[in-house]
Amino acid sequence: MQNPKVIDADGHIYAIHEEIEEYFEGKYRGMRRARAYSLFPSLDGWPRGLGAGRPDKVTETRPEDVIRFVDNMGLESTVLYPTAALAIGLVQEPAWACAISRAYNNWFHARYIKTNPRLKGVAVLPIQDAVSAAAELRYAVEKLDMVGAFLPSATVMNKAFGHPDFQPIFREAERLGVPLAIHGAPSRGFGFDYFEDQGQVHALEHPFPLMIQFTSIICDGVLEKFPRLKLAFLEAGCGWLPYMMDRLDYEYGTRGASSFRQIKKTPSDYVKECPVYVTCEPEETSLAYVAKVIGDDRLMFPSDYPHERVYGEFLKDIPELLARPELSDHTKQKILYDNAKEFYRI
């Protein structure tokens, strides 16, 4: 398979907070931040900004930097998620969550989307206030050309996304016909504080919160109420999904309506019948199996640029996926291009 079309379903940028401050509205307009504090909460207590001591790690993601990466990777386009703003779920004050979400979205539109049409964006939503979040989604899609929005996998709200309070967000996304991606982010409050090595934390911090949100969304009936809602689960690979489908199906078969009052069929049926997507990693040994279980039209390729790795390592991803002998060219094309194009409508 030579020169396939590729869409990056999950890239990232490092926001410049001094620039975002210029986009504050309302009572926050003109206010200046003490430089000792970030606009967004810290993801966790690990020294991520130092790249684990790797001096060649990517540290700049200006639009020209991202376009250079897009060209070097041979991408048609990339869908860019935030980095610091992945922690929006840790914000305690709803008014501040609304203000910083609007400022980030306006800044991203001006800085990236208007710079080059190959740079796509997803909105940050103030999930602390679901009605405001739905309004922000509508604004971001209709006024800022965002292709969707993300929901952080971890929050301080003591309720998962299957809770009825979040339904205004799902209702608006379904009405607009845009996707929502549950994206891995902070690792606080999940027991990972027991570890003394970041590698152990990183192996678990994205899959476990995604599994929690997946369980809540499926079993609390989000897709029963909003069957046309496009959802994706990002940043944890795809191998966890068949496991969770089996696990939930077993519980559904054992306990039935007494524990699953909000759904009318097996949890795995919702995954197979509704537009539920997941990103995969080129090296995942279970990739072919997952494609068989959920269908190869639900898997998307993520670069995750510029996180964790050095520049040259990203450039090996597409050749590695293309070299997988157990995947047909048809499946590879779906993973690399077709599915992301369908999911994001780009």
C-alpha atoms as a PDB file:
ATOM      1  CA  MET A   1       0.000   0.000   0.000  1.00  0.00           C
ATOM      2  CA  GLN A   2       1.718   3.158  -1.220  1.00  0.00           C
ATOM      3  CA  ASN A   3       1.070   6.780  -0.240  1.00  0.00           C
ATOM      4  CA  PRO A   4      -2.248   6.340   1.566  1.00  0.00           C
ATOM      5  CA  LYS A   5      -4.402   9.271   2.510  1.00  0.00           C
ATOM      6  CA  VAL A   6      -4.144   9.979   6.236  1.00  0.00           C
ATOM      7  CA  ILE A   7      -6.099  12.094   8.719  1.00  0.00           C
ATOM      8  CA  ASP A   8      -4.673  12.479  12.203  1.00  0.00           C
ATOM      9  CA  ALA A   9      -7.659  11.936  14.503  1.00  0.00           C
ATOM     10  CA  ASP A  10      -5.902  13.106  17.669  1.00  0.00           C
ATOM     11  CA  GLY A  11      -3.116  15.673  17.546  1.00  0.00           C
ATOM     12  CA  HIS A  12      -2.358  18.335  20.142  1.00  0.00           C
ATOM     13  CA  ILE A  13      -1.047  21.833  20.655  1.00  0.00           C
ATOM     14  CA  TYR A  14       0.633  23.610  23.528  1.00  0.00           C
ATOM     15  CA  ALA A  15      -1.407  26.726  24.198  1.00  0.00           C
ATOM     16  CA  ILE A  16       0.293  30.054  24.838  1.00  0.00           C
ATOM     17  CA  HIS A  17      -1.530  31.338  27.886  1.00  0.00           C
ATOM     18  CA  GLU A  18      -0.392  34.934  27.467  1.00  0.00           C
ATOM     19  CA  GLU A  19      -2.165  34.980  24.103  1.00  0.00           C
ATOM     20  CA  ILE A  20      -5.332  33.346  25.441  1.00  0.00           C
ATOM     21  CA  GLU A  21      -5.607  36.089  28.065  1.00  0.00           C
ATOM     22  CA  GLU A  22      -6.281  38.572  25.260  1.00  0.00           C
ATOM     23  CA  TYR A  23      -9.525  36.729  24.497  1.00  0.00           C
ATOM     24  CA  PHE A  24     -11.147  36.956  27.921  1.00  0.00           C
ATOM     25  CA  GLU A  25     -14.678  38.355  27.927  1.00  0.00           C
ATOM     26  CA  GLY A  26     -17.005  39.830  30.543  1.00  0.00           C
ATOM     27  CA  LYS A  27     -15.619  40.433  34.020  1.00  0.00           C
ATOM     28  CA  TYR A  28     -12.336  38.724  33.110  1.00  0.00           C
ATOM     29  CA  ARG A  29     -11.555  41.053  30.197  1.00  0.00           C
ATOM     30  CA  GLY A  30      -8.324  42.923  30.751  1.00  0.00           C
ATOM     31  CA  MET A  31      -7.359  40.948  33.829  1.00  0.00           C
ATOM     32  CA  ARG A  32      -3.780  39.701  34.062  1.00  0.00           C
ATOM     33  CA  ARG A  33      -2.614  36.453  35.558  1.00  0.00           C
ATOM     34  CA  ALA A  34       0.165  36.064  38.099  1.00  0.00           C
ATOM     35  CA  ARG A  35       2.746  34.176  36.056  1.00  0.00           C
ATOM     36  CA  ALA A  36       3.251  31.642  38.820  1.00  0.00           C
ATOM     37  CA  TYR A  37      -0.145  30.143  37.959  1.00  0.00           C
ATOM     38  CA  SER A  38      -1.386  28.392  34.841  1.00  0.00           C
ATOM     39  CA  LEU A  39      -4.780  29.189  33.327  1.00  0.00           C
ATOM     40  CA  PHE A  40      -5.706  25.513  33.663  1.00  0.00           C
ATOM     41  CA  PRO A  41      -5.091  23.127  36.570  1.00  0.00           C
ATOM     42  CA  SER A  42      -2.070  20.846  36.424  1.00  0.00           C
ATOM     43  CA  LEU A  43      -2.716  17.445  34.844  1.00  0.00           C
ATOM     44  CA  ASP A  44      -0.871  15.692  37.654  1.00  0.00           C
ATOM     45  CA  GLY A  45       2.241  15.985  39.786  1.00  0.00           C
ATOM     46  CA  TRP A  46       4.736  14.668  37.228  1.00  0.00           C
ATOM     47  CA  PRO A  47       7.320  16.912  35.460  1.00  0.00           C
ATOM     48  CA  ARG A  48       5.740  16.561  32.026  1.00  0.00           C
ATOM     49  CA  GLY A  49       7.072  19.869  30.765  1.00  0.00           C
ATOM     50  CA  LEU A  50      10.633  18.606  31.021  1.00  0.00           C
ATOM     51  CA  GLY A  51       9.916  15.623  28.802  1.00  0.00           C
ATOM     52  CA  ALA A  52      11.335  13.127  31.307  1.00  0.00           C
ATOM     53  CA  GLY A  53      14.739  14.670  30.755  1.00  0.00           C
ATOM     54  CA  ARG A  54      14.648  14.314  26.941  1.00  0.00           C
ATOM     55  CA  PRO A  55      16.033  17.560  25.515  1.00  0.00           C
ATOM     56  CA  ASP A  56      14.915  16.699  21.961  1.00  0.00           C
ATOM     57  CA  LYS A  57      11.230  16.485  22.846  1.00  0.00           C
ATOM     58  CA  VAL A  58       8.906  18.792  20.901  1.00  0.00           C
ATOM     59  CA  THR A  59       8.249  21.975  22.884  1.00  0.00           C
ATOM     60  CA  GLU A  60       6.730  24.364  20.318  1.00  0.00           C
ATOM     61  CA  THR A  61       3.468  23.901  18.412  1.00  0.00           C
ATOM     62  CA  ARG A  62       2.995  27.180  16.602  1.00  0.00           C
ATOM     63  CA  PRO A  63       0.816  26.821  13.485  1.00  0.00           C
ATOM     64  CA  GLU A  64       3.893  26.707  11.277  1.00  0.00           C
ATOM     65  CA  ASP A  65       5.361  23.951  13.459  1.00  0.00           C
ATOM     66  CA  VAL A  66       2.209  21.865  13.164  1.00  0.00           C
ATOM     67  CA  ILE A  67       1.969  22.369   9.401  1.00  0.00           C
ATOM     68  CA  ARG A  68       5.583  21.253   9.051  1.00  0.00           C
ATOM     69  CA  PHE A  69       4.714  18.127  11.004  1.00  0.00           C
ATOM     70  CA  VAL A  70       1.594  17.555   8.883  1.00  0.00           C
ATOM     71  CA  ASP A  71       3.706  17.792   5.725  1.00  0.00           C
ATOM     72  CA  ASN A  72       6.441  15.511   7.049  1.00  0.00           C
ATOM     73  CA  MET A  73       3.873  12.913   8.137  1.00  0.00           C
ATOM     74  CA  GLY A  74       2.043  13.103   4.820  1.00  0.00           C
ATOM     75  CA  LEU A  75      -1.250  14.033   6.475  1.00  0.00           C
ATOM     76  CA  GLU A  76      -4.219  15.522   4.690  1.00  0.00           C
ATOM     77  CA  SER A  77      -5.223  17.215   7.950  1.00  0.00           C
ATOM     78  CA  THR A  78      -4.940  16.933  11.711  1.00  0.00           C
ATOM     79  CA  VAL A  79      -7.599  17.366  14.386  1.00  0.00           C
ATOM     80  CA  LEU A  80      -5.995  19.289  17.226  1.00  0.00           C
ATOM     81  CA  TYR A  81      -6.898  18.799  20.864  1.00  0.00           C
ATOM     82  CA  PRO A  82      -5.521  20.935  23.695  1.00  0.00           C
ATOM     83  CA  THR A  83      -2.924  19.901  26.239  1.00  0.00           C
ATOM     84  CA  ALA A  84      -3.299  22.033  29.367  1.00  0.00           C
ATOM     85  CA  ALA A  85      -7.037  22.396  28.728  1.00  0.00           C
ATOM     86  CA  LEU A  86      -7.461  18.631  29.009  1.00  0.00           C
ATOM     87  CA  ALA A  87      -7.696  19.480  32.708  1.00  0.00           C
ATOM     88  CA  ILE A  88     -10.851  21.575  32.247  1.00  0.00           C
ATOM     89  CA  GLY A  89     -12.702  18.954  34.294  1.00  0.00           C
ATOM     90  CA  LEU A  90     -10.650  19.879  37.363  1.00  0.00           C
ATOM     91  CA  VAL A  91     -11.823  23.505  37.388  1.00  0.00           C
ATOM     92  CA  GLN A  92     -13.928  24.106  40.496  1.00  0.00           C
ATOM     93  CA  GLU A  93     -15.711  27.356  39.580  1.00  0.00           C
ATOM     94  CA  PRO A  94     -18.299  27.106  36.771  1.00  0.00           C
ATOM     95  CA  ALA A  95     -17.972  30.793  35.826  1.00  0.00           C
ATOM     96  CA  TRP A  96     -14.221  30.420  35.362  1.00  0.00           C
ATOM     97  CA  ALA A  97     -14.722  27.229  33.340  1.00  0.00           C
ATOM     98  CA  CYS A  98     -17.064  29.150  31.023  1.00  0.00           C
ATOM     99  CA  ALA A  99     -14.651  32.069  30.688  1.00  0.00           C
ATOM    100  CA  ILE A 100     -11.552  30.015  29.978  1.00  0.00           C
ATOM    101  CA  SER A 101     -13.375  27.718  27.546  1.00  0.00           C
ATOM    102  CA  ARG A 102     -14.624  30.672  25.492  1.00  0.00           C
ATOM    103  CA  ALA A 103     -11.204  32.339  25.551  1.00  0.00           C
ATOM    104  CA  TYR A 104      -9.411  29.167  24.450  1.00  0.00           C
ATOM    105  CA  ASN A 105     -11.891  28.473  21.657  1.00  0.00           C
ATOM    106  CA  ASN A 106     -11.699  32.007  20.268  1.00  0.00           C
ATOM    107  CA  TRP A 107      -7.903  31.969  20.530  1.00  0.00           C
ATOM    108  CA  PHE A 108      -7.605  28.602  18.784  1.00  0.00           C
ATOM    109  CA  HIS A 109      -9.848  29.727  15.938  1.00  0.00           C
ATOM    110  CA  ALA A 110      -7.811  32.865  15.345  1.00  0.00           C
ATOM    111  CA  ARG A 111      -4.422  31.214  15.832  1.00  0.00           C
ATOM    112  CA  TYR A 112      -4.880  27.886  14.027  1.00  0.00           C
ATOM    113  CA  ILE A 113      -8.116  27.419  12.079  1.00  0.00           C
ATOM    114  CA  LYS A 114      -7.833  30.744  10.264  1.00  0.00           C
ATOM    115  CA  THR A 115      -4.155  30.089   9.554  1.00  0.00           C
ATOM    116  CA  ASN A 116      -4.549  26.887   7.540  1.00  0.00           C
ATOM    117  CA  PRO A 117      -7.618  24.770   6.637  1.00  0.00           C
ATOM    118  CA  ARG A 118      -5.646  21.566   7.290  1.00  0.00           C
ATOM    119  CA  LEU A 119      -5.646  22.410  11.004  1.00  0.00           C
ATOM    120  CA  LYS A 120      -8.972  21.347  12.530  1.00  0.00           C
ATOM    121  CA  GLY A 121     -10.084  22.085  16.062  1.00  0.00           C
ATOM    122  CA  VAL A 122     -12.262  20.665  18.822  1.00  0.00           C
ATOM    123  CA  ALA A 123     -13.896  22.905  21.381  1.00  0.00           C
ATOM    124  CA  VAL A 124     -13.217  23.052  25.099  1.00  0.00           C
ATOM    125  CA  LEU A 125     -16.523  22.922  26.997  1.00  0.00           C
ATOM    126  CA  PRO A 126     -17.348  24.131  30.527  1.00  0.00           C
ATOM    127  CA  ILE A 127     -18.825  20.806  31.608  1.00  0.00           C
ATOM    128  CA  GLN A 128     -19.385  22.200  35.121  1.00  0.00           C
ATOM    129  CA  ASP A 129     -22.522  23.840  33.666  1.00  0.00           C
ATOM    130  CA  ALA A 130     -24.048  21.570  31.035  1.00  0.00           C
ATOM    131  CA  VAL A 131     -26.445  24.187  29.675  1.00  0.00           C
ATOM    132  CA  SER A 132     -23.562  26.620  29.169  1.00  0.00           C
ATOM    133  CA  ALA A 133     -21.487  23.796  27.695  1.00  0.00           C
ATOM    134  CA  ALA A 134     -24.198  23.076  25.128  1.00  0.00           C
ATOM    135  CA  ALA A 135     -24.317  26.771  24.228  1.00  0.00           C
ATOM    136  CA  GLU A 136     -20.520  26.858  23.920  1.00  0.00           C
ATOM    137  CA  LEU A 137     -20.601  23.827  21.636  1.00  0.00           C
ATOM    138  CA  ARG A 138     -23.154  25.515  19.408  1.00  0.00           C
ATOM    139  CA  TYR A 139     -21.080  28.719  19.318  1.00  0.00           C
ATOM    140  CA  ALA A 140     -17.842  26.858  18.581  1.00  0.00           C
ATOM    141  CA  VAL A 141     -19.343  24.848  15.736  1.00  0.00           C
ATOM    142  CA  GLU A 142     -21.422  27.589  14.126  1.00  0.00           C
ATOM    143  CA  LYS A 143     -19.103  30.573  14.640  1.00  0.00           C
ATOM    144  CA  LEU A 144     -15.614  29.092  14.962  1.00  0.00           C
ATOM    145  CA  ASP A 145     -15.733  26.150  12.539  1.00  0.00           C
ATOM    146  CA  MET A 146     -14.839  23.604  15.209  1.00  0.00           C
ATOM    147  CA  VAL A 147     -15.426  20.004  14.095  1.00  0.00           C
ATOM    148  CA  GLY A 148     -16.664  18.879  17.518  1.00  0.00           C
ATOM    149  CA  ALA A 149     -15.699  18.997  21.172  1.00  0.00           C
ATOM    150  CA  PHE A 150     -13.989  16.908  23.790  1.00  0.00           C
ATOM    151  CA  LEU A 151     -15.070  15.779  27.242  1.00  0.00           C
ATOM    152  CA  PRO A 152     -12.306  15.157  29.804  1.00  0.00           C
ATOM    153  CA  SER A 153     -12.239  11.609  31.106  1.00  0.00           C
ATOM    154  CA  ALA A 154     -11.609  12.789  34.675  1.00  0.00           C
ATOM    155  CA  THR A 155     -13.465  15.540  36.532  1.00  0.00           C
ATOM    156  CA  VAL A 156     -14.035  16.808  40.076  1.00  0.00           C
ATOM    157  CA  MET A 157     -17.803  16.564  39.718  1.00  0.00           C
ATOM    158  CA  ASN A 158     -18.404  13.193  41.409  1.00  0.00           C
ATOM    159  CA  LYS A 159     -20.595  12.016  38.555  1.00  0.00           C
ATOM    160  CA  ALA A 160     -19.791  10.385  35.234  1.00  0.00           C
ATOM    161  CA  PHE A 161     -21.117  11.484  31.849  1.00  0.00           C
ATOM    162  CA  GLY A 162     -24.046   9.081  31.933  1.00  0.00           C
ATOM    163  CA  HIS A 163     -25.619  11.260  34.634  1.00  0.00           C
ATOM    164  CA  PRO A 164     -28.763  13.087  33.423  1.00  0.00           C
ATOM    165  CA  ASP A 165     -27.168  16.456  34.213  1.00  0.00           C
ATOM    166  CA  PHE A 166     -24.966  16.129  31.109  1.00  0.00           C
ATOM    167  CA  GLN A 167     -27.797  15.440  28.685  1.00  0.00           C
ATOM    168  CA  PRO A 168     -27.951  19.024  27.327  1.00  0.00           C
ATOM    169  CA  ILE A 169     -24.450  18.515  25.897  1.00  0.00           C
ATOM    170  CA  PHE A 170     -25.325  15.225  24.207  1.00  0.00           C
ATOM    171  CA  ARG A 171     -28.627  16.566  22.914  1.00  0.00           C
ATOM    172  CA  GLU A 172     -26.953  19.574  21.309  1.00  0.00           C
ATOM    173  CA  ALA A 173     -24.147  17.504  19.775  1.00  0.00           C
ATOM    174  CA  GLU A 174     -26.675  15.128  18.221  1.00  0.00           C
ATOM    175  CA  ARG A 175     -28.746  18.053  16.936  1.00  0.00           C
ATOM    176  CA  LEU A 176     -25.691  19.712  15.393  1.00  0.00           C
ATOM    177  CA  GLY A 177     -24.463  16.407  13.976  1.00  0.00           C
ATOM    178  CA  VAL A 178     -20.994  16.851  15.476  1.00  0.00           C
ATOM    179  CA  PRO A 179     -18.949  14.348  17.481  1.00  0.00           C
ATOM    180  CA  LEU A 180     -17.871  14.353  21.092  1.00  0.00           C
ATOM    181  CA  ALA A 181     -14.598  12.711  22.091  1.00  0.00           C
ATOM    182  CA  ILE A 182     -13.934  11.511  25.614  1.00  0.00           C
ATOM    183  CA  HIS A 183     -10.221  12.170  25.948  1.00  0.00           C
ATOM    184  CA  GLY A 184      -7.821  10.870  28.572  1.00  0.00           C
ATOM    185  CA  ALA A 185      -6.232  13.538  30.713  1.00  0.00           C
ATOM    186  CA  PRO A 186      -5.662  13.936  34.464  1.00  0.00           C
ATOM    187  CA  SER A 187      -4.974  10.957  36.681  1.00  0.00           C
ATOM    188  CA  ARG A 188      -5.950  12.340  40.067  1.00  0.00           C
ATOM    189  CA  GLY A 189      -8.188  10.335  42.350  1.00  0.00           C
ATOM    190  CA  PHE A 190      -7.834   6.953  40.635  1.00  0.00           C
ATOM    191  CA  GLY A 191      -5.323   5.331  42.983  1.00  0.00           C
ATOM    192  CA  PHE A 192      -2.283   6.084  40.844  1.00  0.00           C
ATOM    193  CA  ASP A 193      -0.721   8.030  43.697  1.00  0.00           C
ATOM    194  CA  TYR A 194       0.513   4.664  44.952  1.00  0.00           C
ATOM    195  CA  PHE A 195       3.095   4.552  42.154  1.00  0.00           C
ATOM    196  CA  GLU A 196       6.544   6.082  42.330  1.00  0.00           C
ATOM    197  CA  ASP A 197       7.309   5.798  38.619  1.00  0.00           C
ATOM    198  CA  GLN A 198       5.637   7.824  35.887  1.00  0.00           C
ATOM    199  CA  GLY A 199       5.765   4.903  33.463  1.00  0.00           C
ATOM    200  CA  GLN A 200       3.479   2.852  35.698  1.00  0.00           C
ATOM    201  CA  VAL A 201       1.096   5.782  36.021  1.00  0.00           C
ATOM    202  CA  HIS A 202       1.063   6.479  32.304  1.00  0.00           C
ATOM    203  CA  ALA A 203       0.252   2.855  31.475  1.00  0.00           C
ATOM    204  CA  LEU A 204      -2.995   3.120  33.439  1.00  0.00           C
ATOM    205  CA  GLU A 205      -4.029   6.765  33.716  1.00  0.00           C
ATOM    206  CA  HIS A 206      -5.816   6.986  30.374  1.00  0.00           C
ATOM    207  CA  PRO A 207      -7.478   3.537  30.072  1.00  0.00           C
ATOM    208  CA  PHE A 208      -9.081   3.442  33.520  1.00  0.00           C
ATOM    209  CA  PRO A 209     -10.930   6.798  33.399  1.00  0.00           C
ATOM    210  CA  LEU A 210     -12.073   6.010  29.853  1.00  0.00           C
ATOM    211  CA  MET A 211     -13.451   2.663  31.021  1.00  0.00           C
ATOM    212  CA  ILE A 212     -15.382   4.432  33.762  1.00  0.00           C
ATOM    213  CA  GLN A 213     -16.893   6.965  31.369  1.00  0.00           C
ATOM    214  CA  PHE A 214     -17.614   4.267  28.786  1.00  0.00           C
ATOM    215  CA  THR A 215     -19.455   2.189  31.383  1.00  0.00           C
ATOM    216  CA  SER A 216     -21.524   5.156  32.520  1.00  0.00           C
ATOM    217  CA  ILE A 217     -22.358   6.382  29.024  1.00  0.00           C
ATOM    218  CA  ILE A 218     -23.436   2.959  27.797  1.00  0.00           C
ATOM    219  CA  CYS A 219     -25.177   1.629  30.904  1.00  0.00           C
ATOM    220  CA  ASP A 220     -26.880   4.867  31.941  1.00  0.00           C
ATOM    221  CA  GLY A 221     -28.545   5.012  28.550  1.00  0.00           C
ATOM    222  CA  VAL A 222     -26.903   7.932  26.760  1.00  0.00           C
ATOM    223  CA  LEU A 223     -26.955   6.060  23.441  1.00  0.00           C
ATOM    224  CA  GLU A 224     -30.449   4.754  24.124  1.00  0.00           C
ATOM    225  CA  LYS A 225     -31.605   8.377  24.389  1.00  0.00           C
ATOM    226  CA  PHE A 226     -29.305   9.768  21.672  1.00  0.00           C
ATOM    227  CA  PRO A 227     -28.679   6.931  19.185  1.00  0.00           C
ATOM    228  CA  ARG A 228     -27.283   9.212  16.460  1.00  0.00           C
ATOM    229  CA  LEU A 229     -24.711  10.791  18.777  1.00  0.00           C
ATOM    230  CA  LYS A 230     -21.151  10.271  17.552  1.00  0.00           C
ATOM    231  CA  LEU A 231     -18.752   9.366  20.348  1.00  0.00           C
ATOM    232  CA  ALA A 232     -15.061   8.506  20.424  1.00  0.00           C
ATOM    233  CA  PHE A 233     -12.734   7.373  23.180  1.00  0.00           C
ATOM    234  CA  LEU A 234      -9.203   8.698  22.730  1.00  0.00           C
ATOM    235  CA  GLU A 235      -5.719   8.273  24.177  1.00  0.00           C
ATOM    236  CA  ALA A 236      -5.848   4.697  25.511  1.00  0.00           C
ATOM    237  CA  GLY A 237      -5.531   2.552  22.420  1.00  0.00           C
ATOM    238  CA  CYS A 238      -8.296   0.143  21.457  1.00  0.00           C
ATOM    239  CA  GLY A 239      -7.508  -3.118  23.261  1.00  0.00           C
ATOM    240  CA  TRP A 240      -9.615  -2.262  26.297  1.00  0.00           C
ATOM    241  CA  LEU A 241     -12.859  -1.999  24.328  1.00  0.00           C
ATOM    242  CA  PRO A 242     -13.613  -5.700  23.624  1.00  0.00           C
ATOM    243  CA  TYR A 243     -12.766  -6.475  27.245  1.00  0.00           C
ATOM    244  CA  MET A 244     -15.285  -3.915  28.483  1.00  0.00           C
ATOM    245  CA  MET A 245     -17.919  -5.092  26.018  1.00  0.00           C
ATOM    246  CA  ASP A 246     -17.557  -8.651  27.319  1.00  0.00           C
ATOM    247  CA  ARG A 247     -17.490  -7.506  30.928  1.00  0.00           C
ATOM    248  CA  LEU A 248     -20.634  -5.391  30.645  1.00  0.00           C
ATOM    249  CA  ASP A 249     -22.482  -7.979  28.570  1.00  0.00           C
ATOM    250  CA  TYR A 250     -21.814 -10.546  31.283  1.00  0.00           C
ATOM    251  CA  GLU A 251     -23.208  -8.255  33.974  1.00  0.00           C
ATOM    252  CA  TYR A 252     -26.193  -7.409  31.791  1.00  0.00           C
ATOM    253  CA  GLY A 253     -26.912 -11.091  31.242  1.00  0.00           C
ATOM    254  CA  THR A 254     -26.511 -11.884  34.933  1.00  0.00           C
ATOM    255  CA  ARG A 255     -28.356  -8.961  36.523  1.00  0.00           C
ATOM    256  CA  GLY A 256     -30.628  -7.776  33.734  1.00  0.00           C
ATOM    257  CA  ALA A 257     -33.060  -4.925  34.231  1.00  0.00           C
ATOM    258  CA  SER A 258     -32.484  -4.767  37.981  1.00  0.00           C
ATOM    259  CA  SER A 259     -29.088  -3.126  37.384  1.00  0.00           C
ATOM    260  CA  PHE A 260     -29.456  -1.870  33.802  1.00  0.00           C
ATOM    261  CA  ARG A 261     -32.712   0.038  33.911  1.00  0.00           C
ATOM    262  CA  GLN A 262     -31.730   2.619  31.289  1.00  0.00           C
ATOM    263  CA  ILE A 263     -30.876   0.300  28.391  1.00  0.00           C
ATOM    264  CA  LYS A 264     -32.924  -2.108  26.288  1.00  0.00           C
ATOM    265  CA  LYS A 265     -30.219  -4.310  24.746  1.00  0.00           C
ATOM    266  CA  THR A 266     -26.766  -5.590  25.554  1.00  0.00           C
ATOM    267  CA  PRO A 267     -24.027  -2.986  26.060  1.00  0.00           C
ATOM    268  CA  SER A 268     -22.060  -4.410  23.142  1.00  0.00           C
ATOM    269  CA  ASP A 269     -25.061  -3.881  20.861  1.00  0.00           C
ATOM    270  CA  TYR A 270     -24.857  -0.132  21.463  1.00  0.00           C
ATOM    271  CA  VAL A 271     -21.174  -0.141  20.510  1.00  0.00           C
ATOM    272  CA  LYS A 272     -21.852  -2.081  17.316  1.00  0.00           C
ATOM    273  CA  GLU A 273     -25.060  -0.307  16.289  1.00  0.00           C
ATOM    274  CA  CYS A 274     -24.318   3.293  17.310  1.00  0.00           C
ATOM    275  CA  PRO A 275     -21.496   5.505  15.974  1.00  0.00           C
ATOM    276  CA  VAL A 276     -18.922   4.699  18.660  1.00  0.00           C
ATOM    277  CA  TYR A 277     -15.270   5.116  17.629  1.00  0.00           C
ATOM    278  CA  VAL A 278     -11.902   4.561  19.257  1.00  0.00           C
ATOM    279  CA  THR A 279      -8.330   5.476  18.373  1.00  0.00           C
ATOM    280  CA  CYS A 280      -5.723   2.749  18.064  1.00  0.00           C
ATOM    281  CA  GLU A 281      -1.945   2.529  18.268  1.00  0.00           C
ATOM    282  CA  PRO A 282       0.085   1.154  15.322  1.00  0.00           C
ATOM    283  CA  GLU A 283       1.913  -1.313  17.580  1.00  0.00           C
ATOM    284  CA  GLU A 284      -1.118  -2.748  19.403  1.00  0.00           C
ATOM    285  CA  THR A 285      -0.972  -6.523  19.101  1.00  0.00           C
ATOM    286  CA  SER A 286      -4.747  -6.779  19.510  1.00  0.00           C
ATOM    287  CA  LEU A 287      -5.536  -4.387  16.661  1.00  0.00           C
ATOM    288  CA  ALA A 288      -6.765  -6.996  14.166  1.00  0.00           C
ATOM    289  CA  TYR A 289      -8.887  -8.648  16.840  1.00  0.00           C
ATOM    290  CA  VAL A 290     -10.498  -5.346  17.831  1.00  0.00           C
ATOM    291  CA  ALA A 291     -11.231  -4.590  14.178  1.00  0.00           C
ATOM    292  CA  LYS A 292     -12.997  -7.948  13.942  1.00  0.00           C
ATOM    293  CA  VAL A 293     -15.030  -7.384  17.120  1.00  0.00           C
ATOM    294  CA  ILE A 294     -16.235  -3.816  16.574  1.00  0.00           C
ATOM    295  CA  GLY A 295     -15.675  -3.491  12.826  1.00  0.00           C
ATOM    296  CA  ASP A 296     -12.821  -1.818  10.997  1.00  0.00           C
ATOM    297  CA  ASP A 297     -14.995   1.227  10.346  1.00  0.00           C
ATOM    298  CA  ARG A 298     -14.727   2.367  13.988  1.00  0.00           C
ATOM    299  CA  LEU A 299     -10.937   2.636  14.402  1.00  0.00           C
ATOM    300  CA  MET A 300      -8.983   5.862  13.862  1.00  0.00           C
ATOM    301  CA  PHE A 301      -5.295   6.715  13.670  1.00  0.00           C
ATOM    302  CA  PRO A 302      -3.898   9.228  16.209  1.00  0.00           C
ATOM    303  CA  SER A 303      -0.459  10.806  16.101  1.00  0.00           C
ATOM    304  CA  ASP A 304      -0.744  12.254  19.633  1.00  0.00           C
ATOM    305  CA  TYR A 305       1.843  14.788  18.434  1.00  0.00           C
ATOM    306  CA  PRO A 306       3.720  16.333  20.237  1.00  0.00           C
ATOM    307  CA  HIS A 307       3.193  14.332  23.447  1.00  0.00           C
ATOM    308  CA  GLU A 308       5.603  11.931  25.140  1.00  0.00           C
ATOM    309  CA  ARG A 309       7.953  11.206  22.230  1.00  0.00           C
ATOM    310  CA  VAL A 310      10.670  12.878  20.181  1.00  0.00           C
ATOM    311  CA  TYR A 311       9.951  14.147  16.675  1.00  0.00           C
ATOM    312  CA  GLY A 312      11.459  11.300  14.690  1.00  0.00           C
ATOM    313  CA  GLU A 313       9.466   8.674  16.560  1.00  0.00           C
ATOM    314  CA  PHE A 314       6.174  10.078  15.270  1.00  0.00           C
ATOM    315  CA  LEU A 315       7.309   9.652  11.666  1.00  0.00           C
ATOM    316  CA  LYS A 316       7.560   5.870  12.134  1.00  0.00           C
ATOM    317  CA  ASP A 317       3.890   5.380  13.026  1.00  0.00           C
ATOM    318  CA  ILE A 318       2.294   5.234   9.585  1.00  0.00           C
ATOM    319  CA  PRO A 319       4.954   2.904   8.092  1.00  0.00           C
ATOM    320  CA  GLU A 320       4.546   0.662  11.143  1.00  0.00           C
ATOM    321  CA  LEU A 321       0.802   0.420  10.632  1.00  0.00           C
ATOM    322  CA  LEU A 322       1.188  -0.183   6.904  1.00  0.00           C
ATOM    323  CA  ALA A 323       3.603  -3.032   7.645  1.00  0.00           C
ATOM    324  CA  ARG A 324       1.021  -4.990   9.669  1.00  0.00           C
ATOM    325  CA  PRO A 325       0.522  -8.170   7.567  1.00  0.00           C
ATOM    326  CA  GLU A 326      -2.669  -9.248   9.351  1.00  0.00           C
ATOM    327  CA  LEU A 327      -4.510  -6.073   8.292  1.00  0.00           C
ATOM    328  CA  SER A 328      -5.877  -5.761   4.771  1.00  0.00           C
ATOM    329  CA  ASP A 329      -5.205  -2.653   2.710  1.00  0.00           C
ATOM    330  CA  HIS A 330      -8.918  -1.938   2.954  1.00  0.00           C
ATOM    331  CA  THR A 331      -8.754  -1.953   6.766  1.00  0.00           C
ATOM    332  CA  LYS A 332      -5.585   0.137   6.824  1.00  0.00           C
ATOM    333  CA  GLN A 333      -7.214   2.781   4.647  1.00  0.00           C
ATOM    334  CA  LYS A 334     -10.224   2.896   6.930  1.00  0.00           C
ATOM    335  CA  ILE A 335      -8.040   3.325  10.019  1.00  0.00           C
ATOM    336  CA  LEU A 336      -5.764   5.923   8.465  1.00  0.00           C
ATOM    337  CA  TYR A 337      -8.339   8.018   6.642  1.00  0.00           C
ATOM    338  CA  ASP A 338     -11.925   6.963   5.987  1.00  0.00           C
ATOM    339  CA  ASN A 339     -13.114   6.619   9.574  1.00  0.00           C
ATOM    340  CA  ALA A 340     -11.763   9.956  10.783  1.00  0.00           C
ATOM    341  CA  LYS A 341     -13.211  11.656   7.735  1.00  0.00           C
ATOM    342  CA  GLU A 342     -16.617  10.185   8.548  1.00  0.00           C
ATOM    343  CA  PHE A 343     -16.397  10.821  12.292  1.00  0.00           C
ATOM    344  CA  TYR A 344     -15.360  14.473  12.040  1.00  0.00           C
ATOM    345  CA  ARG A 345     -17.175  15.199   8.751  1.00  0.00           C
ATOM    346  CA  ILE A 346     -14.054  16.723   7.178  1.00  0.00           C
END
